[in-house]
């Protein structure tokens, strides 16, 4: 179960004035999925599904990280991105 602070940060990402880079968005995605679902147990997307493949890989790289640790890292990343893009 995710914390209220985690949910607030997830909401803040969708309301940022400027969009983070693709790499930063992938980091956010991976940490969000790890925090909310846990280890990636899905099948890797097909060869020509580039976006799906990158998202899958960003989540799969976090395999073994606890959901609590992923939540903490997600919150830290969002704070950094808000400072970087919402000034």
PDB file of N, CA and C in Angstrom:
ATOM      1  N   UNK A   1       0.836  -1.186   0.000  1.00  0.00           N
ATOM      2  CA  UNK A   1       0.000   0.000   0.000  1.00  0.00           C
ATOM      3  C   UNK A   1       0.879   1.247   0.000  1.00  0.00           C
ATOM      4  N   UNK A   2       0.572   2.158  -0.900  1.00  0.00           N
ATOM      5  CA  UNK A   2       1.397   3.358  -1.022  1.00  0.00           C
ATOM      6  C   UNK A   2       0.939   4.430  -0.042  1.00  0.00           C
ATOM      7  N   UNK A   3       1.881   5.276   0.323  1.00  0.00           N
ATOM      8  CA  UNK A   3       1.594   6.332   1.289  1.00  0.00           C
ATOM      9  C   UNK A   3       0.867   7.499   0.622  1.00  0.00           C
ATOM     10  N   UNK A   4       0.293   8.331   1.464  1.00  0.00           N
ATOM     11  CA  UNK A   4      -0.377   9.524   0.963  1.00  0.00           C
ATOM     12  C   UNK A   4       0.620  10.463   0.289  1.00  0.00           C
ATOM     13  N   UNK A   5       1.825  10.583   0.847  1.00  0.00           N
ATOM     14  CA  UNK A   5       2.859  11.428   0.260  1.00  0.00           C
ATOM     15  C   UNK A   5       3.223  10.928  -1.141  1.00  0.00           C
ATOM     16  N   UNK A   6       3.350   9.611  -1.295  1.00  0.00           N
ATOM     17  CA  UNK A   6       3.650   9.027  -2.596  1.00  0.00           C
ATOM     18  C   UNK A   6       2.572   9.416  -3.608  1.00  0.00           C
ATOM     19  N   UNK A   7       1.314   9.309  -3.221  1.00  0.00           N
ATOM     20  CA  UNK A   7       0.211   9.647  -4.127  1.00  0.00           C
ATOM     21  C   UNK A   7       0.229  11.131  -4.473  1.00  0.00           C
ATOM     22  N   UNK A   8       0.563  11.969  -3.512  1.00  0.00           N
ATOM     23  CA  UNK A   8       0.657  13.410  -3.772  1.00  0.00           C
ATOM     24  C   UNK A   8       1.753  13.703  -4.793  1.00  0.00           C
ATOM     25  N   UNK A   9       2.889  13.005  -4.666  1.00  0.00           N
ATOM     26  CA  UNK A   9       3.998  13.214  -5.606  1.00  0.00           C
ATOM     27  C   UNK A   9       3.628  12.715  -7.001  1.00  0.00           C
ATOM     28  N   UNK A  10       2.916  11.580  -7.074  1.00  0.00           N
ATOM     29  CA  UNK A  10       2.475  11.064  -8.366  1.00  0.00           C
ATOM     30  C   UNK A  10       1.535  12.066  -9.041  1.00  0.00           C
ATOM     31  N   UNK A  11       0.653  12.677  -8.262  1.00  0.00           N
ATOM     32  CA  UNK A  11      -0.245  13.695  -8.803  1.00  0.00           C
ATOM     33  C   UNK A  11       0.530  14.927  -9.257  1.00  0.00           C
ATOM     34  N   UNK A  12       1.550  15.303  -8.502  1.00  0.00           N
ATOM     35  CA  UNK A  12       2.352  16.481  -8.838  1.00  0.00           C
ATOM     36  C   UNK A  12       3.060  16.306 -10.177  1.00  0.00           C
ATOM     37  N   UNK A  13       3.491  15.091 -10.478  1.00  0.00           N
ATOM     38  CA  UNK A  13       4.185  14.831 -11.748  1.00  0.00           C
ATOM     39  C   UNK A  13       3.272  15.165 -12.925  1.00  0.00           C
ATOM     40  N   UNK A  14       2.011  14.803 -12.821  1.00  0.00           N
ATOM     41  CA  UNK A  14       1.102  15.039 -13.940  1.00  0.00           C
ATOM     42  C   UNK A  14       0.728  16.510 -14.099  1.00  0.00           C
ATOM     43  N   UNK A  15       1.078  17.344 -13.128  1.00  0.00           N
ATOM     44  CA  UNK A  15       0.758  18.767 -13.199  1.00  0.00           C
ATOM     45  C   UNK A  15       2.001  19.651 -13.299  1.00  0.00           C
ATOM     46  N   UNK A  16       3.128  19.064 -13.651  1.00  0.00           N
ATOM     47  CA  UNK A  16       4.361  19.852 -13.765  1.00  0.00           C
ATOM     48  C   UNK A  16       4.255  20.822 -14.943  1.00  0.00           C
ATOM     49  N   UNK A  17       4.858  22.009 -14.771  1.00  0.00           N
ATOM     50  CA  UNK A  17       4.832  23.025 -15.824  1.00  0.00           C
ATOM     51  C   UNK A  17       5.601  22.565 -17.061  1.00  0.00           C
ATOM     52  N   UNK A  18       6.727  21.907 -16.838  1.00  0.00           N
ATOM     53  CA  UNK A  18       7.566  21.429 -17.934  1.00  0.00           C
ATOM     54  C   UNK A  18       7.753  19.927 -17.794  1.00  0.00           C
ATOM     55  N   UNK A  19       7.739  19.247 -18.938  1.00  0.00           N
ATOM     56  CA  UNK A  19       7.850  17.786 -18.952  1.00  0.00           C
ATOM     57  C   UNK A  19       9.307  17.359 -18.756  1.00  0.00           C
ATOM     58  N   UNK A  20       9.553  16.406 -17.864  1.00  0.00           N
ATOM     59  CA  UNK A  20      10.908  15.861 -17.712  1.00  0.00           C
ATOM     60  C   UNK A  20      11.365  15.161 -19.003  1.00  0.00           C
ATOM     61  N   UNK A  21      12.643  14.854 -19.070  1.00  0.00           N
ATOM     62  CA  UNK A  21      13.184  14.154 -20.236  1.00  0.00           C
ATOM     63  C   UNK A  21      12.604  12.741 -20.311  1.00  0.00           C
ATOM     64  N   UNK A  22      12.761  12.119 -21.466  1.00  0.00           N
ATOM     65  CA  UNK A  22      12.283  10.745 -21.626  1.00  0.00           C
ATOM     66  C   UNK A  22      12.946   9.811 -20.621  1.00  0.00           C
ATOM     67  N   UNK A  23      14.250   9.970 -20.396  1.00  0.00           N
ATOM     68  CA  UNK A  23      14.955   9.121 -19.436  1.00  0.00           C
ATOM     69  C   UNK A  23      14.409   9.313 -18.022  1.00  0.00           C
ATOM     70  N   UNK A  24      14.133  10.559 -17.663  1.00  0.00           N
ATOM     71  CA  UNK A  24      13.566  10.826 -16.340  1.00  0.00           C
ATOM     72  C   UNK A  24      12.162  10.229 -16.221  1.00  0.00           C
ATOM     73  N   UNK A  25      11.390  10.320 -17.296  1.00  0.00           N
ATOM     74  CA  UNK A  25      10.046   9.735 -17.285  1.00  0.00           C
ATOM     75  C   UNK A  25      10.117   8.213 -17.125  1.00  0.00           C
ATOM     76  N   UNK A  26      11.111   7.582 -17.756  1.00  0.00           N
ATOM     77  CA  UNK A  26      11.280   6.136 -17.615  1.00  0.00           C
ATOM     78  C   UNK A  26      11.663   5.767 -16.184  1.00  0.00           C
ATOM     79  N   UNK A  27      12.510   6.576 -15.566  1.00  0.00           N
ATOM     80  CA  UNK A  27      12.874   6.341 -14.169  1.00  0.00           C
ATOM     81  C   UNK A  27      11.630   6.425 -13.287  1.00  0.00           C
ATOM     82  N   UNK A  28      10.832   7.452 -13.512  1.00  0.00           N
ATOM     83  CA  UNK A  28       9.589   7.613 -12.752  1.00  0.00           C
ATOM     84  C   UNK A  28       8.683   6.407 -12.946  1.00  0.00           C
ATOM     85  N   UNK A  29       8.542   5.977 -14.179  1.00  0.00           N
ATOM     86  CA  UNK A  29       7.671   4.838 -14.480  1.00  0.00           C
ATOM     87  C   UNK A  29       8.133   3.583 -13.741  1.00  0.00           C
ATOM     88  N   UNK A  30       9.424   3.282 -13.859  1.00  0.00           N
ATOM     89  CA  UNK A  30       9.965   2.081 -13.226  1.00  0.00           C
ATOM     90  C   UNK A  30       9.774   2.098 -11.717  1.00  0.00           C
ATOM     91  N   UNK A  31      10.089   3.222 -11.105  1.00  0.00           N
ATOM     92  CA  UNK A  31       9.937   3.331  -9.651  1.00  0.00           C
ATOM     93  C   UNK A  31       8.469   3.271  -9.240  1.00  0.00           C
ATOM     94  N   UNK A  32       7.601   3.904 -10.018  1.00  0.00           N
ATOM     95  CA  UNK A  32       6.176   3.871  -9.706  1.00  0.00           C
ATOM     96  C   UNK A  32       5.648   2.439  -9.750  1.00  0.00           C
ATOM     97  N   UNK A  33       5.985   1.714 -10.815  1.00  0.00           N
ATOM     98  CA  UNK A  33       5.514   0.336 -10.949  1.00  0.00           C
ATOM     99  C   UNK A  33       6.085  -0.549  -9.845  1.00  0.00           C
ATOM    100  N   UNK A  34       7.357  -0.373  -9.515  1.00  0.00           N
ATOM    101  CA  UNK A  34       7.977  -1.180  -8.460  1.00  0.00           C
ATOM    102  C   UNK A  34       7.322  -0.887  -7.119  1.00  0.00           C
ATOM    103  N   UNK A  35       7.005   0.389  -6.876  1.00  0.00           N
ATOM    104  CA  UNK A  35       6.386   0.769  -5.602  1.00  0.00           C
ATOM    105  C   UNK A  35       4.949   0.285  -5.496  1.00  0.00           C
ATOM    106  N   UNK A  36       4.229   0.271  -6.602  1.00  0.00           N
ATOM    107  CA  UNK A  36       2.806  -0.061  -6.545  1.00  0.00           C
ATOM    108  C   UNK A  36       2.507  -1.529  -6.831  1.00  0.00           C
ATOM    109  N   UNK A  37       3.352  -2.196  -7.631  1.00  0.00           N
ATOM    110  CA  UNK A  37       3.097  -3.579  -8.033  1.00  0.00           C
ATOM    111  C   UNK A  37       4.112  -4.543  -7.444  1.00  0.00           C
ATOM    112  N   UNK A  38       5.378  -4.100  -7.389  1.00  0.00           N
ATOM    113  CA  UNK A  38       6.469  -4.993  -6.975  1.00  0.00           C
ATOM    114  C   UNK A  38       7.244  -5.435  -8.196  1.00  0.00           C
ATOM    115  N   UNK A  39       7.934  -6.561  -8.089  1.00  0.00           N
ATOM    116  CA  UNK A  39       8.775  -7.033  -9.195  1.00  0.00           C
ATOM    117  C   UNK A  39       7.962  -7.253 -10.469  1.00  0.00           C
ATOM    118  N   UNK A  40       8.615  -6.932 -11.576  1.00  0.00           N
ATOM    119  CA  UNK A  40       8.015  -7.094 -12.897  1.00  0.00           C
ATOM    120  C   UNK A  40       7.890  -8.580 -13.216  1.00  0.00           C
ATOM    121  N   UNK A  41       6.670  -9.037 -13.399  1.00  0.00           N
ATOM    122  CA  UNK A  41       6.433 -10.426 -13.761  1.00  0.00           C
ATOM    123  C   UNK A  41       5.760 -10.552 -15.115  1.00  0.00           C
ATOM    124  N   UNK A  42       5.761  -9.457 -15.867  1.00  0.00           N
ATOM    125  CA  UNK A  42       5.106  -9.448 -17.172  1.00  0.00           C
ATOM    126  C   UNK A  42       6.058  -9.905 -18.265  1.00  0.00           C
ATOM    127  N   UNK A  43       5.512 -10.278 -19.393  1.00  0.00           N
ATOM    128  CA  UNK A  43       6.304 -10.695 -20.547  1.00  0.00           C
ATOM    129  C   UNK A  43       6.879  -9.466 -21.234  1.00  0.00           C
ATOM    130  N   UNK A  44       8.120  -9.561 -21.669  1.00  0.00           N
ATOM    131  CA  UNK A  44       8.761  -8.447 -22.361  1.00  0.00           C
ATOM    132  C   UNK A  44       8.030  -8.167 -23.674  1.00  0.00           C
ATOM    133  N   UNK A  45       7.752  -6.890 -23.951  1.00  0.00           N
ATOM    134  CA  UNK A  45       7.054  -6.546 -25.188  1.00  0.00           C
ATOM    135  C   UNK A  45       7.845  -6.958 -26.434  1.00  0.00           C
ATOM    136  N   UNK A  46       7.144  -7.014 -27.545  1.00  0.00           N
ATOM    137  CA  UNK A  46       7.737  -7.424 -28.808  1.00  0.00           C
ATOM    138  C   UNK A  46       8.818  -6.481 -29.305  1.00  0.00           C
ATOM    139  N   UNK A  47       9.552  -6.958 -30.274  1.00  0.00           N
ATOM    140  CA  UNK A  47      10.710  -6.253 -30.828  1.00  0.00           C
ATOM    141  C   UNK A  47      10.372  -4.861 -31.338  1.00  0.00           C
ATOM    142  N   UNK A  48       9.197  -4.678 -31.918  1.00  0.00           N
ATOM    143  CA  UNK A  48       8.864  -3.397 -32.530  1.00  0.00           C
ATOM    144  C   UNK A  48       8.048  -2.481 -31.622  1.00  0.00           C
ATOM    145  N   UNK A  49       7.801  -2.901 -30.396  1.00  0.00           N
ATOM    146  CA  UNK A  49       7.121  -2.063 -29.411  1.00  0.00           C
ATOM    147  C   UNK A  49       8.200  -1.369 -28.582  1.00  0.00           C
ATOM    148  N   UNK A  50       8.805  -0.342 -29.188  1.00  0.00           N
ATOM    149  CA  UNK A  50       9.946   0.315 -28.561  1.00  0.00           C
ATOM    150  C   UNK A  50       9.579   0.983 -27.240  1.00  0.00           C
ATOM    151  N   UNK A  51       8.482   1.730 -27.227  1.00  0.00           N
ATOM    152  CA  UNK A  51       8.070   2.411 -26.003  1.00  0.00           C
ATOM    153  C   UNK A  51       7.785   1.395 -24.898  1.00  0.00           C
ATOM    154  N   UNK A  52       7.039   0.355 -25.235  1.00  0.00           N
ATOM    155  CA  UNK A  52       6.731  -0.681 -24.253  1.00  0.00           C
ATOM    156  C   UNK A  52       7.976  -1.375 -23.742  1.00  0.00           C
ATOM    157  N   UNK A  53       8.934  -1.611 -24.642  1.00  0.00           N
ATOM    158  CA  UNK A  53      10.178  -2.277 -24.268  1.00  0.00           C
ATOM    159  C   UNK A  53      10.974  -1.423 -23.280  1.00  0.00           C
ATOM    160  N   UNK A  54      11.083  -0.120 -23.559  1.00  0.00           N
ATOM    161  CA  UNK A  54      11.845   0.762 -22.664  1.00  0.00           C
ATOM    162  C   UNK A  54      11.176   0.865 -21.295  1.00  0.00           C
ATOM    163  N   UNK A  55       9.856   0.951 -21.280  1.00  0.00           N
ATOM    164  CA  UNK A  55       9.129   1.014 -20.007  1.00  0.00           C
ATOM    165  C   UNK A  55       9.320  -0.295 -19.235  1.00  0.00           C
ATOM    166  N   UNK A  56       9.199  -1.412 -19.941  1.00  0.00           N
ATOM    167  CA  UNK A  56       9.362  -2.729 -19.315  1.00  0.00           C
ATOM    168  C   UNK A  56      10.758  -2.850 -18.709  1.00  0.00           C
ATOM    169  N   UNK A  57      11.780  -2.448 -19.473  1.00  0.00           N
ATOM    170  CA  UNK A  57      13.168  -2.541 -18.993  1.00  0.00           C
ATOM    171  C   UNK A  57      13.416  -1.642 -17.786  1.00  0.00           C
ATOM    172  N   UNK A  58      12.828  -0.431 -17.806  1.00  0.00           N
ATOM    173  CA  UNK A  58      13.055   0.482 -16.675  1.00  0.00           C
ATOM    174  C   UNK A  58      12.463  -0.092 -15.387  1.00  0.00           C
ATOM    175  N   UNK A  59      11.369  -0.832 -15.506  1.00  0.00           N
ATOM    176  CA  UNK A  59      10.762  -1.474 -14.343  1.00  0.00           C
ATOM    177  C   UNK A  59      11.540  -2.733 -13.975  1.00  0.00           C
ATOM    178  N   UNK A  60      11.901  -3.532 -14.958  1.00  0.00           N
ATOM    179  CA  UNK A  60      12.573  -4.805 -14.705  1.00  0.00           C
ATOM    180  C   UNK A  60      13.942  -4.624 -14.039  1.00  0.00           C
ATOM    181  N   UNK A  61      14.610  -3.501 -14.331  1.00  0.00           N
ATOM    182  CA  UNK A  61      15.921  -3.223 -13.720  1.00  0.00           C
ATOM    183  C   UNK A  61      15.836  -3.101 -12.199  1.00  0.00           C
ATOM    184  N   UNK A  62      14.649  -2.845 -11.690  1.00  0.00           N
ATOM    185  CA  UNK A  62      14.466  -2.634 -10.254  1.00  0.00           C
ATOM    186  C   UNK A  62      14.075  -3.912  -9.513  1.00  0.00           C
ATOM    187  N   UNK A  63      14.070  -5.025 -10.224  1.00  0.00           N
ATOM    188  CA  UNK A  63      13.675  -6.304  -9.628  1.00  0.00           C
ATOM    189  C   UNK A  63      14.487  -6.561  -8.354  1.00  0.00           C
ATOM    190  N   UNK A  64      13.787  -6.919  -7.293  1.00  0.00           N
ATOM    191  CA  UNK A  64      14.460  -7.188  -6.018  1.00  0.00           C
ATOM    192  C   UNK A  64      14.399  -6.017  -5.049  1.00  0.00           C
ATOM    193  N   UNK A  65      14.133  -4.807  -5.560  1.00  0.00           N
ATOM    194  CA  UNK A  65      14.012  -3.640  -4.689  1.00  0.00           C
ATOM    195  C   UNK A  65      12.660  -3.722  -3.980  1.00  0.00           C
ATOM    196  N   UNK A  66      12.644  -3.442  -2.699  1.00  0.00           N
ATOM    197  CA  UNK A  66      11.383  -3.479  -1.966  1.00  0.00           C
ATOM    198  C   UNK A  66      10.463  -2.370  -2.454  1.00  0.00           C
ATOM    199  N   UNK A  67       9.184  -2.592  -2.260  1.00  0.00           N
ATOM    200  CA  UNK A  67       8.214  -1.577  -2.655  1.00  0.00           C
ATOM    201  C   UNK A  67       8.399  -0.303  -1.829  1.00  0.00           C
ATOM    202  N   UNK A  68       8.772  -0.447  -0.583  1.00  0.00           N
ATOM    203  CA  UNK A  68       8.998   0.708   0.289  1.00  0.00           C
ATOM    204  C   UNK A  68      10.197   1.525  -0.195  1.00  0.00           C
ATOM    205  N   UNK A  69      11.265   0.839  -0.580  1.00  0.00           N
ATOM    206  CA  UNK A  69      12.455   1.532  -1.089  1.00  0.00           C
ATOM    207  C   UNK A  69      12.140   2.234  -2.406  1.00  0.00           C
ATOM    208  N   UNK A  70      11.392   1.588  -3.276  1.00  0.00           N
ATOM    209  CA  UNK A  70      11.012   2.200  -4.552  1.00  0.00           C
ATOM    210  C   UNK A  70      10.158   3.440  -4.312  1.00  0.00           C
ATOM    211  N   UNK A  71       9.266   3.362  -3.350  1.00  0.00           N
ATOM    212  CA  UNK A  71       8.424   4.518  -3.019  1.00  0.00           C
ATOM    213  C   UNK A  71       9.298   5.681  -2.541  1.00  0.00           C
ATOM    214  N   UNK A  72      10.249   5.396  -1.678  1.00  0.00           N
ATOM    215  CA  UNK A  72      11.153   6.426  -1.164  1.00  0.00           C
ATOM    216  C   UNK A  72      11.956   7.061  -2.303  1.00  0.00           C
ATOM    217  N   UNK A  73      12.496   6.239  -3.193  1.00  0.00           N
ATOM    218  CA  UNK A  73      13.285   6.758  -4.312  1.00  0.00           C
ATOM    219  C   UNK A  73      12.417   7.549  -5.288  1.00  0.00           C
ATOM    220  N   UNK A  74      11.181   7.125  -5.475  1.00  0.00           N
ATOM    221  CA  UNK A  74      10.246   7.846  -6.344  1.00  0.00           C
ATOM    222  C   UNK A  74       9.997   9.251  -5.792  1.00  0.00           C
ATOM    223  N   UNK A  75       9.726   9.332  -4.501  1.00  0.00           N
ATOM    224  CA  UNK A  75       9.462  10.621  -3.855  1.00  0.00           C
ATOM    225  C   UNK A  75      10.678  11.534  -3.988  1.00  0.00           C
ATOM    226  N   UNK A  76      11.875  11.003  -3.777  1.00  0.00           N
ATOM    227  CA  UNK A  76      13.101  11.795  -3.916  1.00  0.00           C
ATOM    228  C   UNK A  76      13.268  12.291  -5.345  1.00  0.00           C
ATOM    229  N   UNK A  77      13.023  11.411  -6.324  1.00  0.00           N
ATOM    230  CA  UNK A  77      13.163  11.792  -7.725  1.00  0.00           C
ATOM    231  C   UNK A  77      12.158  12.878  -8.087  1.00  0.00           C
ATOM    232  N   UNK A  78      10.922  12.725  -7.658  1.00  0.00           N
ATOM    233  CA  UNK A  78       9.907  13.745  -7.946  1.00  0.00           C
ATOM    234  C   UNK A  78      10.311  15.082  -7.332  1.00  0.00           C
ATOM    235  N   UNK A  79      10.793  15.078  -6.118  1.00  0.00           N
ATOM    236  CA  UNK A  79      11.235  16.326  -5.480  1.00  0.00           C
ATOM    237  C   UNK A  79      12.332  16.992  -6.305  1.00  0.00           C
ATOM    238  N   UNK A  80      13.285  16.209  -6.778  1.00  0.00           N
ATOM    239  CA  UNK A  80      14.360  16.748  -7.615  1.00  0.00           C
ATOM    240  C   UNK A  80      13.831  17.305  -8.929  1.00  0.00           C
ATOM    241  N   UNK A  81      12.898  16.596  -9.541  1.00  0.00           N
ATOM    242  CA  UNK A  81      12.338  17.040 -10.819  1.00  0.00           C
ATOM    243  C   UNK A  81      11.475  18.293 -10.641  1.00  0.00           C
ATOM    244  N   UNK A  82      10.741  18.357  -9.541  1.00  0.00           N
ATOM    245  CA  UNK A  82       9.945  19.557  -9.287  1.00  0.00           C
ATOM    246  C   UNK A  82      10.857  20.778  -9.106  1.00  0.00           C
ATOM    247  N   UNK A  83      11.954  20.607  -8.418  1.00  0.00           N
ATOM    248  CA  UNK A  83      12.906  21.697  -8.233  1.00  0.00           C
ATOM    249  C   UNK A  83      13.531  22.101  -9.580  1.00  0.00           C
ATOM    250  N   UNK A  84      13.747  21.138 -10.425  1.00  0.00           N
ATOM    251  CA  UNK A  84      14.397  21.368 -11.724  1.00  0.00           C
ATOM    252  C   UNK A  84      13.445  21.983 -12.753  1.00  0.00           C
ATOM    253  N   UNK A  85      12.200  21.524 -12.794  1.00  0.00           N
ATOM    254  CA  UNK A  85      11.299  21.904 -13.875  1.00  0.00           C
ATOM    255  C   UNK A  85      10.155  22.841 -13.478  1.00  0.00           C
ATOM    256  N   UNK A  86       9.869  22.994 -12.222  1.00  0.00           N
ATOM    257  CA  UNK A  86       8.722  23.799 -11.822  1.00  0.00           C
ATOM    258  C   UNK A  86       9.109  25.144 -11.198  1.00  0.00           C
ATOM    259  N   UNK A  87      10.306  25.607 -11.461  1.00  0.00           N
ATOM    260  CA  UNK A  87      10.719  26.905 -10.929  1.00  0.00           C
ATOM    261  C   UNK A  87      10.342  28.018 -11.872  1.00  0.00           C
TER     262      UNK A  87
END
